[in-house]
Amino acid sequence: LDALTRPTPKSSIIRRSNERLSRRLDSAHVCATVRFIA
């Protein structure tokens, strides 16, 4: 139960890397969209 409620360092690292990756993809998508519109 404790392992489920409290995030392990591994899961937090994965979550952090996923957020960083999604942020990078979002910025790339925004740049591509702006370039397409302009």
PDB file of N, CA and C in Angstrom:
ATOM      1  N   LEU A   1       0.841  -1.203   0.000  1.00  0.00           N
ATOM      2  CA  LEU A   1       0.000   0.000   0.000  1.00  0.00           C
ATOM      3  C   LEU A   1       0.876   1.254   0.000  1.00  0.00           C
ATOM      4  N   ASP A   2       1.912   1.227   0.807  1.00  0.00           N
ATOM      5  CA  ASP A   2       2.788   2.387   0.882  1.00  0.00           C
ATOM      6  C   ASP A   2       3.507   2.612  -0.450  1.00  0.00           C
ATOM      7  N   ALA A   3       3.871   1.519  -1.108  1.00  0.00           N
ATOM      8  CA  ALA A   3       4.567   1.643  -2.386  1.00  0.00           C
ATOM      9  C   ALA A   3       3.628   2.197  -3.455  1.00  0.00           C
ATOM     10  N   LEU A   4       2.332   1.929  -3.304  1.00  0.00           N
ATOM     11  CA  LEU A   4       1.384   2.417  -4.300  1.00  0.00           C
ATOM     12  C   LEU A   4       1.075   3.893  -4.082  1.00  0.00           C
ATOM     13  N   THR A   5       0.900   4.292  -2.821  1.00  0.00           N
ATOM     14  CA  THR A   5       0.521   5.675  -2.539  1.00  0.00           C
ATOM     15  C   THR A   5       1.708   6.616  -2.697  1.00  0.00           C
ATOM     16  N   ARG A   6       2.877   6.183  -2.264  1.00  0.00           N
ATOM     17  CA  ARG A   6       4.051   7.054  -2.340  1.00  0.00           C
ATOM     18  C   ARG A   6       4.827   6.759  -3.621  1.00  0.00           C
ATOM     19  N   PRO A   7       5.053   7.738  -4.485  1.00  0.00           N
ATOM     20  CA  PRO A   7       5.777   7.514  -5.739  1.00  0.00           C
ATOM     21  C   PRO A   7       7.231   7.143  -5.480  1.00  0.00           C
ATOM     22  N   THR A   8       7.704   6.140  -6.167  1.00  0.00           N
ATOM     23  CA  THR A   8       9.092   5.722  -6.031  1.00  0.00           C
ATOM     24  C   THR A   8       9.980   6.656  -6.843  1.00  0.00           C
ATOM     25  N   PRO A   9      11.270   6.746  -6.517  1.00  0.00           N
ATOM     26  CA  PRO A   9      12.189   7.612  -7.274  1.00  0.00           C
ATOM     27  C   PRO A   9      12.186   7.276  -8.761  1.00  0.00           C
ATOM     28  N   LYS A  10      12.064   5.988  -9.086  1.00  0.00           N
ATOM     29  CA  LYS A  10      12.075   5.583 -10.493  1.00  0.00           C
ATOM     30  C   LYS A  10      10.872   6.157 -11.228  1.00  0.00           C
ATOM     31  N   SER A  11       9.690   6.053 -10.608  1.00  0.00           N
ATOM     32  CA  SER A  11       8.484   6.553 -11.269  1.00  0.00           C
ATOM     33  C   SER A  11       8.531   8.077 -11.393  1.00  0.00           C
ATOM     34  N   SER A  12       9.091   8.743 -10.380  1.00  0.00           N
ATOM     35  CA  SER A  12       9.174  10.202 -10.446  1.00  0.00           C
ATOM     36  C   SER A  12      10.156  10.631 -11.536  1.00  0.00           C
ATOM     37  N   ILE A  13      11.230   9.869 -11.700  1.00  0.00           N
ATOM     38  CA  ILE A  13      12.198  10.166 -12.766  1.00  0.00           C
ATOM     39  C   ILE A  13      11.543   9.969 -14.129  1.00  0.00           C
ATOM     40  N   ILE A  14      10.777   8.885 -14.258  1.00  0.00           N
ATOM     41  CA  ILE A  14      10.096   8.617 -15.528  1.00  0.00           C
ATOM     42  C   ILE A  14       9.085   9.722 -15.818  1.00  0.00           C
ATOM     43  N   ARG A  15       8.357  10.123 -14.773  1.00  0.00           N
ATOM     44  CA  ARG A  15       7.351  11.172 -14.961  1.00  0.00           C
ATOM     45  C   ARG A  15       8.021  12.479 -15.359  1.00  0.00           C
ATOM     46  N   ARG A  16       9.157  12.784 -14.724  1.00  0.00           N
ATOM     47  CA  ARG A  16       9.863  14.036 -15.018  1.00  0.00           C
ATOM     48  C   ARG A  16      10.381  14.023 -16.452  1.00  0.00           C
ATOM     49  N   SER A  17      10.946  12.890 -16.878  1.00  0.00           N
ATOM     50  CA  SER A  17      11.479  12.796 -18.238  1.00  0.00           C
ATOM     51  C   SER A  17      10.344  12.846 -19.249  1.00  0.00           C
ATOM     52  N   ASN A  18       9.195  12.261 -18.909  1.00  0.00           N
ATOM     53  CA  ASN A  18       8.046  12.306 -19.812  1.00  0.00           C
ATOM     54  C   ASN A  18       7.542  13.734 -19.965  1.00  0.00           C
ATOM     55  N   GLU A  19       7.497  14.478 -18.863  1.00  0.00           N
ATOM     56  CA  GLU A  19       7.062  15.870 -18.937  1.00  0.00           C
ATOM     57  C   GLU A  19       8.028  16.693 -19.781  1.00  0.00           C
ATOM     58  N   ARG A  20       9.336  16.441 -19.601  1.00  0.00           N
ATOM     59  CA  ARG A  20      10.339  17.182 -20.362  1.00  0.00           C
ATOM     60  C   ARG A  20      10.210  16.847 -21.847  1.00  0.00           C
ATOM     61  N   LEU A  21       9.987  15.567 -22.147  1.00  0.00           N
ATOM     62  CA  LEU A  21       9.879  15.134 -23.537  1.00  0.00           C
ATOM     63  C   LEU A  21       8.627  15.717 -24.179  1.00  0.00           C
ATOM     64  N   SER A  22       7.502  15.668 -23.463  1.00  0.00           N
ATOM     65  CA  SER A  22       6.252  16.190 -24.016  1.00  0.00           C
ATOM     66  C   SER A  22       6.355  17.698 -24.205  1.00  0.00           C
ATOM     67  N   ARG A  23       7.066  18.383 -23.299  1.00  0.00           N
ATOM     68  CA  ARG A  23       7.230  19.830 -23.428  1.00  0.00           C
ATOM     69  C   ARG A  23       8.043  20.143 -24.678  1.00  0.00           C
ATOM     70  N   ARG A  24       9.092  19.350 -24.923  1.00  0.00           N
ATOM     71  CA  ARG A  24       9.937  19.560 -26.097  1.00  0.00           C
ATOM     72  C   ARG A  24       9.128  19.301 -27.368  1.00  0.00           C
ATOM     73  N   LEU A  25       8.302  18.255 -27.357  1.00  0.00           N
ATOM     74  CA  LEU A  25       7.484  17.939 -28.524  1.00  0.00           C
ATOM     75  C   LEU A  25       6.441  19.023 -28.754  1.00  0.00           C
ATOM     76  N   ASP A  26       5.879  19.564 -27.664  1.00  0.00           N
ATOM     77  CA  ASP A  26       4.881  20.618 -27.793  1.00  0.00           C
ATOM     78  C   ASP A  26       5.497  21.859 -28.427  1.00  0.00           C
ATOM     79  N   SER A  27       6.691  22.244 -27.992  1.00  0.00           N
ATOM     80  CA  SER A  27       7.336  23.435 -28.537  1.00  0.00           C
ATOM     81  C   SER A  27       7.676  23.225 -30.008  1.00  0.00           C
ATOM     82  N   ALA A  28       8.098  22.012 -30.362  1.00  0.00           N
ATOM     83  CA  ALA A  28       8.412  21.710 -31.756  1.00  0.00           C
ATOM     84  C   ALA A  28       7.141  21.760 -32.598  1.00  0.00           C
ATOM     85  N   HIS A  29       6.033  21.268 -32.047  1.00  0.00           N
ATOM     86  CA  HIS A  29       4.758  21.282 -32.764  1.00  0.00           C
ATOM     87  C   HIS A  29       4.279  22.712 -32.962  1.00  0.00           C
ATOM     88  N   VAL A  30       4.458  23.548 -31.943  1.00  0.00           N
ATOM     89  CA  VAL A  30       4.049  24.948 -32.038  1.00  0.00           C
ATOM     90  C   VAL A  30       4.885  25.661 -33.095  1.00  0.00           C
ATOM     91  N   CYS A  31       6.182  25.396 -33.118  1.00  0.00           N
ATOM     92  CA  CYS A  31       7.065  26.026 -34.107  1.00  0.00           C
ATOM     93  C   CYS A  31       6.659  25.598 -35.510  1.00  0.00           C
ATOM     94  N   ALA A  32       6.342  24.319 -35.693  1.00  0.00           N
ATOM     95  CA  ALA A  32       5.941  23.817 -37.005  1.00  0.00           C
ATOM     96  C   ALA A  32       4.611  24.436 -37.422  1.00  0.00           C
ATOM     97  N   THR A  33       3.698  24.599 -36.470  1.00  0.00           N
ATOM     98  CA  THR A  33       2.390  25.189 -36.779  1.00  0.00           C
ATOM     99  C   THR A  33       2.540  26.654 -37.161  1.00  0.00           C
ATOM    100  N   VAL A  34       3.365  27.385 -36.424  1.00  0.00           N
ATOM    101  CA  VAL A  34       3.581  28.800 -36.727  1.00  0.00           C
ATOM    102  C   VAL A  34       4.241  28.944 -38.092  1.00  0.00           C
ATOM    103  N   ARG A  35       5.200  28.070 -38.395  1.00  0.00           N
ATOM    104  CA  ARG A  35       5.890  28.121 -39.677  1.00  0.00           C
ATOM    105  C   ARG A  35       4.906  27.802 -40.810  1.00  0.00           C
ATOM    106  N   PHE A  36       3.979  26.867 -40.547  1.00  0.00           N
ATOM    107  CA  PHE A  36       3.008  26.481 -41.571  1.00  0.00           C
ATOM    108  C   PHE A  36       2.023  27.620 -41.839  1.00  0.00           C
ATOM    109  N   ILE A  37       1.585  28.278 -40.758  1.00  0.00           N
ATOM    110  CA  ILE A  37       0.623  29.376 -40.908  1.00  0.00           C
ATOM    111  C   ILE A  37       1.303  30.579 -41.560  1.00  0.00           C
ATOM    112  N   ALA A  38       2.528  30.872 -41.134  1.00  0.00           N
ATOM    113  CA  ALA A  38       3.258  32.019 -41.659  1.00  0.00           C
ATOM    114  C   ALA A  38       3.961  31.635 -42.964  1.00  0.00           C
TER     115      ALA A  38
END
